[in-house]
Amino acid sequence: MRFVILTQYYLPETGAPQNRLSDLARRFKQMGHNVIVLTAMPNYPQGQIFPNYRWKLWLIDEIDGIKVIHCWLFASKSRFIPFRLISFFSFVITSALIGIVALPQTDALLVESPPLFLGITAWWLAKIKRAALIFNVSDLYPESAIALGYLSNRKLQNLFFRFEAWCYRVADLIVGQTSGIVENIQQRFPNYPVYLLTNGVDISKFAVNGQHKKSQPIPQMGKSFVVGYAGVLGYAQKLECLLQAAELLQDHQQIRFVLYGDGPLRESLLNWATEHKLANVEFKGNFPHHEILEQMCYWHLGVVPLANTPLMAGALPSKMFEVMASGLPVLLSAPTGEASQLVTKAQAGMTVLPENPQAMAEAILHLANRPDICQQWGVNGREYVMTHYDRAKIAEDFATSVQQIINMR
């Protein structure tokens, strides 16, 4: 089939949607499908267009053998709502116009949300190109924006909820990233077709990494115990809690914290760590995804923190799968929900109360003293995701469902 992915976030950027969608594109191509990606000029998470892509209205690239069409947008990392809206809508407009010219007739078009507004472009291009429209919801919007304090105006909230409903109504298939997202949509829109497309791991990327991790003995007390985080340094992660836990553990010199990634809160987190003289914390910066996976081999515990909001109870962070696939125990700081249930079922780590530095510090200290538990939880987590969250099987099942949607039109 001829398959188009429309997303504001894609390679060469780093991040969860970029990794997930690029993996899906590669797998569809390997199955023999014709895949094209229509995306923005890379700018995330710095909020600045990457040097080689500046001063261009559009640019055609090839990444992993897949045609990628980059469109100009107004890049901004500001939390100020008007700037964010300008950034979103600039890509809505350029992708709609460039897509008409650059895209061939298409069988199916998958659009990534958020940003929710990209549903306008998706609907328009699906009509023009006679494609089935698949609306992929990786984060419920505007619910997530309201929960995190981005969107407090009631009139705007109602407007966004109505627009969300329109996006679902015009789609041939709605795809949710987690069971919580799927259940939320099904409860509010029981007559709309919804499909669960879970996150997962590329087993081939973790075979060597996992063995390398197993070959390194988990250190005994008195030696280095590395606590790692890799991902966006943003608002939903509440990483200030991790820094506060690090401050509580400063006297335990064997425990070190490493943070990989970038995002809107990087500078404020760096400043906080400097002000509090956290010698046990190191900000490593942004690295390509494959390099971060290699570095995870030298961790001893992976931290997955989330904000203390009801919405986060339905989150299932991709970084958690990667921690487990690397043979590491998980320390999950999140509301009780889908992620904590998975960690418990897999017997792959601990869950502590979200935004609670004391609880996090106590859990880290406990695990630093229990290499036997760390070892077993790492093995359990790895086996669980390899069995239940293999991206190859997930992509094959999804391709079958997409083909059925195309055949029904």
Protein backbone atom coordinates (compact mmCIF):
# COMPACT_ATOMS: atom_id res chain seq x y z
CA MET A 1 0.00 0.00 0.00
CA ARG A 2 0.95 3.66 -0.36
CA PHE A 3 1.31 4.98 3.18
CA VAL A 4 1.98 8.54 4.37
CA ILE A 5 2.95 9.59 7.89
CA LEU A 6 2.14 13.21 8.75
CA THR A 7 3.89 14.39 11.91
CA GLN A 8 5.47 17.54 13.27
CA TYR A 9 8.20 15.48 14.95
CA TYR A 10 10.56 13.14 13.10
CA LEU A 11 14.20 12.27 12.52
CA PRO A 12 16.85 13.68 12.70
CA GLU A 13 15.21 14.95 15.91
CA THR A 14 15.38 12.75 18.99
CA GLY A 15 12.40 11.88 21.17
CA ALA A 16 9.68 9.30 21.75
CA PRO A 17 7.42 10.09 18.74
CA GLN A 18 10.43 10.43 16.46
CA ASN A 19 11.75 7.00 17.46
CA ARG A 20 8.34 5.32 17.38
CA LEU A 21 7.22 6.71 14.00
CA SER A 22 10.56 6.18 12.28
CA ASP A 23 10.54 2.57 13.47
CA LEU A 24 7.00 2.12 12.10
CA ALA A 25 8.03 3.69 8.77
CA ARG A 26 11.04 1.37 8.45
CA ARG A 27 8.99 -1.71 9.24
CA PHE A 28 6.25 -0.82 6.74
CA LYS A 29 8.94 -0.29 4.11
CA GLN A 30 10.48 -3.69 4.93
CA MET A 31 7.03 -5.26 4.39
CA GLY A 32 7.07 -3.84 0.86
CA HIS A 33 4.83 -0.81 1.37
CA ASN A 34 5.61 2.57 -0.20
CA VAL A 35 6.18 4.96 2.72
CA ILE A 36 6.55 8.76 2.65
CA VAL A 37 6.89 11.03 5.70
CA LEU A 38 5.63 14.63 5.64
CA THR A 39 7.10 16.52 8.57
CA ALA A 40 8.46 19.84 9.83
CA MET A 41 11.97 21.19 9.59
CA PRO A 42 13.79 19.56 12.51
CA ASN A 43 13.85 21.91 15.52
CA TYR A 44 12.88 19.88 18.59
CA PRO A 45 13.61 20.18 21.49
CA GLN A 46 15.78 23.30 21.14
CA GLY A 47 13.02 25.28 19.38
CA GLN A 48 15.47 26.29 16.63
CA ILE A 49 15.60 24.84 13.14
CA PHE A 50 18.71 22.71 12.69
CA PRO A 51 21.52 24.47 10.74
CA ASN A 52 21.35 22.39 7.54
CA TYR A 53 17.60 22.97 7.22
CA ARG A 54 17.38 26.73 7.70
CA TRP A 55 16.16 29.29 5.13
CA LYS A 56 14.23 26.71 3.10
CA LEU A 57 10.49 26.48 2.49
CA TRP A 58 10.71 22.73 1.99
CA LEU A 59 13.37 20.09 1.58
CA ILE A 60 13.23 16.46 0.45
CA ASP A 61 15.47 14.11 2.38
CA GLU A 62 16.03 10.36 2.51
CA ILE A 63 16.34 8.76 5.94
CA ASP A 64 16.73 4.99 6.31
CA GLY A 65 15.74 4.64 2.65
CA ILE A 66 12.45 6.48 3.25
CA LYS A 67 11.45 9.70 1.49
CA VAL A 68 11.03 12.47 4.07
CA ILE A 69 9.56 15.84 3.08
CA HIS A 70 10.45 18.62 5.54
CA CYS A 71 8.29 21.78 5.59
CA TRP A 72 9.09 25.17 7.10
CA LEU A 73 7.50 26.18 10.38
CA PHE A 74 7.86 28.98 12.90
CA ALA A 75 10.07 27.26 15.47
CA SER A 76 9.60 28.16 19.13
CA LYS A 77 10.02 26.44 22.49
CA SER A 78 8.12 29.15 24.37
CA ARG A 79 5.41 28.05 26.79
CA PHE A 80 3.50 31.24 25.90
CA ILE A 81 0.28 29.99 24.26
CA PRO A 82 0.23 32.47 21.30
CA PHE A 83 3.77 31.47 20.26
CA ARG A 84 2.93 27.78 20.51
CA LEU A 85 -0.19 28.28 18.40
CA ILE A 86 1.75 30.20 15.76
CA SER A 87 4.30 27.39 15.62
CA PHE A 88 1.62 24.70 15.30
CA PHE A 89 -0.45 26.54 12.70
CA SER A 90 2.55 27.54 10.59
CA PHE A 91 3.21 23.84 10.02
CA VAL A 92 -0.49 23.14 9.47
CA ILE A 93 -0.43 25.63 6.59
CA THR A 94 2.91 24.72 4.99
CA SER A 95 2.32 20.97 5.22
CA ALA A 96 -1.15 21.35 3.67
CA LEU A 97 0.17 23.36 0.73
CA ILE A 98 3.38 21.41 0.15
CA GLY A 99 1.59 18.10 0.64
CA ILE A 100 -0.70 18.83 -2.30
CA VAL A 101 2.30 19.21 -4.60
CA ALA A 102 4.79 16.73 -3.12
CA LEU A 103 2.59 13.76 -2.21
CA PRO A 104 1.30 11.24 -4.76
CA GLN A 105 -2.10 9.56 -4.57
CA THR A 106 -2.15 7.63 -1.31
CA ASP A 107 -3.99 4.66 0.19
CA ALA A 108 -3.67 5.65 3.86
CA LEU A 109 -2.48 8.71 5.76
CA LEU A 110 -1.55 8.48 9.44
CA VAL A 111 -1.39 11.76 11.37
CA GLU A 112 0.34 12.06 14.75
CA SER A 113 -1.43 14.03 17.50
CA PRO A 114 -0.45 16.15 19.30
CA PRO A 115 -0.44 18.71 17.87
CA LEU A 116 -4.19 18.30 17.51
CA PHE A 117 -4.41 21.03 14.86
CA LEU A 118 -2.56 18.86 12.37
CA GLY A 119 -5.90 17.10 11.96
CA ILE A 120 -6.87 19.95 9.62
CA THR A 121 -4.01 19.17 7.25
CA ALA A 122 -4.61 15.43 7.56
CA TRP A 123 -8.31 15.77 6.63
CA TRP A 124 -7.50 18.07 3.71
CA LEU A 125 -4.73 15.89 2.27
CA ALA A 126 -6.72 12.68 2.79
CA LYS A 127 -9.55 14.20 0.73
CA ILE A 128 -7.24 15.42 -2.02
CA LYS A 129 -5.19 12.21 -2.17
CA ARG A 130 -8.22 9.90 -1.65
CA ALA A 131 -6.62 8.25 1.35
CA ALA A 132 -8.01 6.57 4.43
CA LEU A 133 -7.38 8.86 7.40
CA ILE A 134 -5.84 7.30 10.52
CA PHE A 135 -5.73 9.61 13.53
CA ASN A 136 -2.93 8.53 15.89
CA VAL A 137 -3.38 9.79 19.48
CA SER A 138 -0.16 9.54 21.47
CA ASP A 139 -1.36 12.06 24.07
CA LEU A 140 -4.94 13.10 24.81
CA TYR A 141 -5.36 16.76 23.91
CA PRO A 142 -6.61 19.11 25.26
CA GLU A 143 -6.81 17.01 28.45
CA SER A 144 -3.03 16.86 28.83
CA ALA A 145 -2.66 20.62 28.27
CA ILE A 146 -5.30 21.32 30.93
CA ALA A 147 -3.73 18.89 33.42
CA LEU A 148 -0.27 20.45 33.02
CA GLY A 149 -1.59 24.01 33.32
CA TYR A 150 -1.04 25.04 29.68
CA LEU A 151 -4.72 25.68 28.98
CA SER A 152 -6.81 27.28 31.72
CA ASN A 153 -9.28 29.37 29.72
CA ARG A 154 -12.68 27.60 29.79
CA LYS A 155 -13.82 28.94 26.42
CA LEU A 156 -10.63 27.76 24.77
CA GLN A 157 -10.95 24.38 26.47
CA ASN A 158 -14.47 23.92 25.08
CA LEU A 159 -13.29 24.98 21.63
CA PHE A 160 -10.46 22.46 21.72
CA PHE A 161 -12.74 19.65 22.90
CA ARG A 162 -15.11 20.34 20.00
CA PHE A 163 -12.22 20.32 17.58
CA GLU A 164 -10.95 17.04 19.05
CA ALA A 165 -14.38 15.51 18.44
CA TRP A 166 -14.30 16.70 14.82
CA CYS A 167 -10.88 15.09 14.28
CA TYR A 168 -12.20 11.75 15.50
CA ARG A 169 -15.38 12.06 13.45
CA VAL A 170 -13.60 12.59 10.11
CA ALA A 171 -11.10 9.76 10.72
CA ASP A 172 -11.55 6.29 9.26
CA LEU A 173 -9.65 4.85 12.23
CA ILE A 174 -8.53 6.29 15.57
CA VAL A 175 -5.34 4.82 17.02
CA GLY A 176 -4.42 5.12 20.71
CA GLN A 177 -0.95 4.61 22.19
CA THR A 178 -2.12 3.17 25.52
CA SER A 179 -5.10 1.27 26.87
CA GLY A 180 -6.00 4.36 28.91
CA ILE A 181 -6.16 6.53 25.79
CA VAL A 182 -8.22 3.93 23.92
CA GLU A 183 -10.67 3.49 26.81
CA ASN A 184 -11.03 7.28 27.22
CA ILE A 185 -11.91 7.72 23.54
CA GLN A 186 -14.24 4.71 23.48
CA GLN A 187 -16.15 5.99 26.51
CA ARG A 188 -16.69 9.42 24.98
CA PHE A 189 -17.17 8.26 21.37
CA PRO A 190 -18.52 4.70 21.55
CA ASN A 191 -19.45 4.51 17.87
CA TYR A 192 -16.00 5.37 16.49
CA PRO A 193 -13.49 2.64 15.52
CA VAL A 194 -10.47 2.72 17.88
CA TYR A 195 -7.31 0.59 17.66
CA LEU A 196 -4.63 0.03 20.32
CA LEU A 197 -1.15 0.57 18.84
CA THR A 198 1.11 0.12 21.84
CA ASN A 199 4.66 1.28 22.12
CA GLY A 200 7.36 -1.34 22.17
CA VAL A 201 11.00 -2.11 21.55
CA ASP A 202 13.14 -3.07 18.59
CA ILE A 203 14.50 -6.38 19.85
CA SER A 204 17.44 -6.27 17.43
CA LYS A 205 18.73 -3.08 19.07
CA PHE A 206 18.82 -4.64 22.51
CA ALA A 207 20.32 -8.06 21.86
CA VAL A 208 23.91 -6.83 22.09
CA ASN A 209 23.11 -4.17 24.66
CA GLY A 210 21.32 -6.62 26.91
CA GLN A 211 24.17 -9.13 26.82
CA HIS A 212 26.69 -6.39 27.48
CA LYS A 213 24.70 -5.29 30.51
CA LYS A 214 24.48 -8.82 31.84
CA SER A 215 28.25 -9.27 31.46
CA GLN A 216 28.88 -6.37 33.85
CA PRO A 217 28.45 -7.27 37.51
CA ILE A 218 26.06 -4.99 39.34
CA PRO A 219 28.28 -3.23 41.89
CA GLN A 220 28.27 -3.96 45.57
CA MET A 221 27.83 -1.22 48.18
CA GLY A 222 30.82 1.10 48.20
CA LYS A 223 31.21 1.09 44.43
CA SER A 224 29.51 3.31 41.83
CA PHE A 225 25.74 2.94 41.45
CA VAL A 226 24.52 4.87 38.38
CA VAL A 227 20.93 6.16 38.30
CA GLY A 228 20.00 7.23 34.77
CA TYR A 229 17.31 9.24 33.02
CA ALA A 230 17.01 9.70 29.23
CA GLY A 231 14.29 11.80 27.65
CA VAL A 232 12.77 15.23 27.42
CA LEU A 233 13.68 17.70 30.18
CA GLY A 234 10.16 19.08 30.26
CA TYR A 235 7.13 19.85 32.36
CA ALA A 236 5.45 16.43 32.34
CA GLN A 237 8.51 14.70 33.79
CA LYS A 238 8.89 16.77 36.99
CA LEU A 239 12.64 16.20 37.04
CA GLU A 240 13.10 18.70 39.84
CA CYS A 241 11.91 15.83 42.06
CA LEU A 242 14.83 13.69 40.85
CA LEU A 243 17.28 16.50 41.60
CA GLN A 244 15.82 16.91 45.08
CA ALA A 245 16.27 13.17 45.64
CA ALA A 246 19.88 13.52 44.49
CA GLU A 247 20.35 16.30 47.03
CA LEU A 248 19.08 14.02 49.80
CA LEU A 249 21.61 11.37 48.74
CA GLN A 250 24.70 13.58 48.49
CA ASP A 251 26.36 11.85 51.44
CA HIS A 252 26.18 8.51 49.62
CA GLN A 253 29.09 9.08 47.28
CA GLN A 254 28.71 5.78 45.45
CA ILE A 255 25.34 6.92 44.02
CA ARG A 256 25.59 9.04 40.86
CA PHE A 257 22.89 10.53 38.64
CA VAL A 258 23.17 11.01 34.87
CA LEU A 259 20.57 12.82 32.76
CA TYR A 260 20.49 12.57 28.96
CA GLY A 261 18.32 14.82 26.83
CA ASP A 262 17.20 18.37 26.27
CA GLY A 263 14.03 20.37 26.61
CA PRO A 264 12.38 23.57 27.81
CA LEU A 265 13.45 23.10 31.45
CA ARG A 266 17.08 22.23 30.81
CA GLU A 267 18.46 25.61 31.87
CA SER A 268 16.34 25.88 35.01
CA LEU A 269 17.28 22.34 36.07
CA LEU A 270 20.96 23.06 35.44
CA ASN A 271 20.73 26.26 37.46
CA TRP A 272 19.00 24.46 40.34
CA ALA A 273 21.68 21.76 40.40
CA THR A 274 24.41 24.42 40.38
CA GLU A 275 22.79 26.48 43.13
CA HIS A 276 22.46 23.40 45.35
CA LYS A 277 26.00 22.21 44.51
CA LEU A 278 24.92 18.76 43.36
CA ALA A 279 28.27 17.09 42.72
CA ASN A 280 26.52 13.75 42.21
CA VAL A 281 24.47 14.91 39.18
CA GLU A 282 25.72 15.16 35.60
CA PHE A 283 23.77 16.57 32.64
CA LYS A 284 25.07 14.71 29.59
CA GLY A 285 23.12 16.64 26.94
CA ASN A 286 21.38 15.42 23.80
CA PHE A 287 22.62 12.34 21.95
CA PRO A 288 21.36 10.23 19.04
CA HIS A 289 19.02 7.50 20.19
CA HIS A 290 21.42 4.62 19.46
CA GLU A 291 24.17 6.26 21.51
CA ILE A 292 21.87 6.68 24.49
CA LEU A 293 20.96 2.98 24.31
CA GLU A 294 24.67 2.16 24.39
CA GLN A 295 25.22 4.38 27.43
CA MET A 296 22.33 2.71 29.26
CA CYS A 297 24.50 -0.40 29.45
CA TYR A 298 26.51 1.40 32.14
CA TRP A 299 23.52 2.35 34.29
CA HIS A 300 22.29 0.30 37.19
CA LEU A 301 18.82 1.82 37.56
CA GLY A 302 16.54 3.64 35.13
CA VAL A 303 14.22 6.35 36.47
CA VAL A 304 10.88 7.11 34.80
CA PRO A 305 9.26 10.15 36.48
CA LEU A 306 5.84 11.63 35.68
CA ALA A 307 3.82 14.55 36.99
CA ASN A 308 1.29 13.94 39.74
CA THR A 309 -1.88 14.41 37.67
CA PRO A 310 -4.74 11.95 37.05
CA LEU A 311 -4.02 12.07 33.33
CA MET A 312 -0.55 10.57 33.88
CA ALA A 313 -2.15 7.46 35.36
CA GLY A 314 -2.90 6.42 31.77
CA ALA A 315 0.60 7.17 30.46
CA LEU A 316 2.93 4.45 29.25
CA PRO A 317 6.29 6.16 28.59
CA SER A 318 8.45 4.69 25.84
CA LYS A 319 11.56 5.19 27.98
CA MET A 320 10.22 2.60 30.40
CA PHE A 321 10.26 -0.09 27.69
CA GLU A 322 13.84 0.81 26.79
CA VAL A 323 14.97 0.65 30.41
CA MET A 324 13.42 -2.79 30.75
CA ALA A 325 14.79 -4.03 27.41
CA SER A 326 18.29 -2.95 28.51
CA GLY A 327 18.11 -5.34 31.46
CA LEU A 328 17.74 -2.55 34.02
CA PRO A 329 15.36 -2.32 36.98
CA VAL A 330 12.81 0.49 36.71
CA LEU A 331 12.13 3.13 39.33
CA LEU A 332 8.76 4.56 38.33
CA SER A 333 7.59 7.78 39.98
CA ALA A 334 4.01 8.11 38.78
CA PRO A 335 0.34 7.97 39.80
CA THR A 336 -1.07 4.46 40.13
CA GLY A 337 -2.20 3.39 36.68
CA GLU A 338 -1.17 1.66 33.47
CA ALA A 339 2.60 2.09 33.86
CA SER A 340 2.70 0.98 37.49
CA GLN A 341 0.52 -2.02 36.68
CA LEU A 342 2.93 -3.07 33.92
CA VAL A 343 5.98 -2.75 36.19
CA THR A 344 4.23 -4.80 38.88
CA LYS A 345 3.02 -7.47 36.45
CA ALA A 346 6.49 -7.82 34.92
CA GLN A 347 8.16 -7.74 38.37
CA ALA A 348 10.60 -5.29 36.81
CA GLY A 349 11.05 -2.58 39.41
CA MET A 350 9.54 -0.29 42.02
CA THR A 351 6.84 2.39 41.92
CA VAL A 352 6.93 5.33 44.31
CA LEU A 353 4.60 8.24 44.87
CA PRO A 354 4.99 10.92 42.18
CA GLU A 355 6.71 14.21 42.99
CA ASN A 356 7.97 12.79 46.30
CA PRO A 357 11.75 13.27 46.57
CA GLN A 358 11.98 11.50 49.93
CA ALA A 359 10.28 8.36 48.63
CA MET A 360 12.46 8.39 45.52
CA ALA A 361 15.67 8.82 47.52
CA GLU A 362 14.74 5.98 49.89
CA ALA A 363 13.98 3.66 46.96
CA ILE A 364 17.29 4.47 45.24
CA LEU A 365 19.26 3.88 48.44
CA HIS A 366 17.45 0.60 49.02
CA LEU A 367 18.26 -0.65 45.52
CA ALA A 368 21.87 0.50 45.72
CA ASN A 369 22.21 -1.89 48.64
CA ARG A 370 20.38 -4.78 46.92
CA PRO A 371 22.23 -5.84 43.76
CA ASP A 372 20.42 -9.18 43.86
CA ILE A 373 17.04 -7.49 43.47
CA CYS A 374 18.36 -5.19 40.74
CA GLN A 375 19.70 -8.19 38.84
CA GLN A 376 16.46 -10.15 39.02
CA TRP A 377 14.19 -7.22 38.17
CA GLY A 378 16.42 -6.40 35.20
CA VAL A 379 16.11 -9.96 33.87
CA ASN A 380 12.34 -10.00 34.47
CA GLY A 381 11.75 -6.70 32.68
CA ARG A 382 13.84 -7.64 29.70
CA GLU A 383 12.05 -10.97 29.22
CA TYR A 384 8.65 -9.33 29.59
CA VAL A 385 9.07 -6.63 26.93
CA MET A 386 10.78 -9.03 24.53
CA THR A 387 7.75 -11.32 24.81
CA HIS A 388 4.90 -8.81 24.85
CA TYR A 389 6.17 -5.60 23.20
CA ASP A 390 8.09 -6.64 20.09
CA ARG A 391 7.71 -3.80 17.57
CA ALA A 392 7.97 -6.19 14.62
CA LYS A 393 4.81 -8.05 15.67
CA ILE A 394 3.06 -4.80 16.62
CA ALA A 395 3.76 -3.30 13.18
CA GLU A 396 2.61 -6.44 11.33
CA ASP A 397 -0.72 -6.48 13.15
CA PHE A 398 -1.22 -2.77 12.53
CA ALA A 399 -0.45 -3.09 8.81
CA THR A 400 -3.15 -5.77 8.56
CA SER A 401 -5.69 -3.48 10.24
CA VAL A 402 -4.78 -0.56 7.99
CA GLN A 403 -5.22 -2.74 4.90
CA GLN A 404 -8.66 -3.77 6.15
CA ILE A 405 -9.65 -0.11 6.56
CA ILE A 406 -8.47 0.60 3.00
CA ASN A 407 -10.43 -2.36 1.63
CA MET A 408 -13.63 -1.22 3.39
CA ARG A 409 -13.65 2.22 1.73
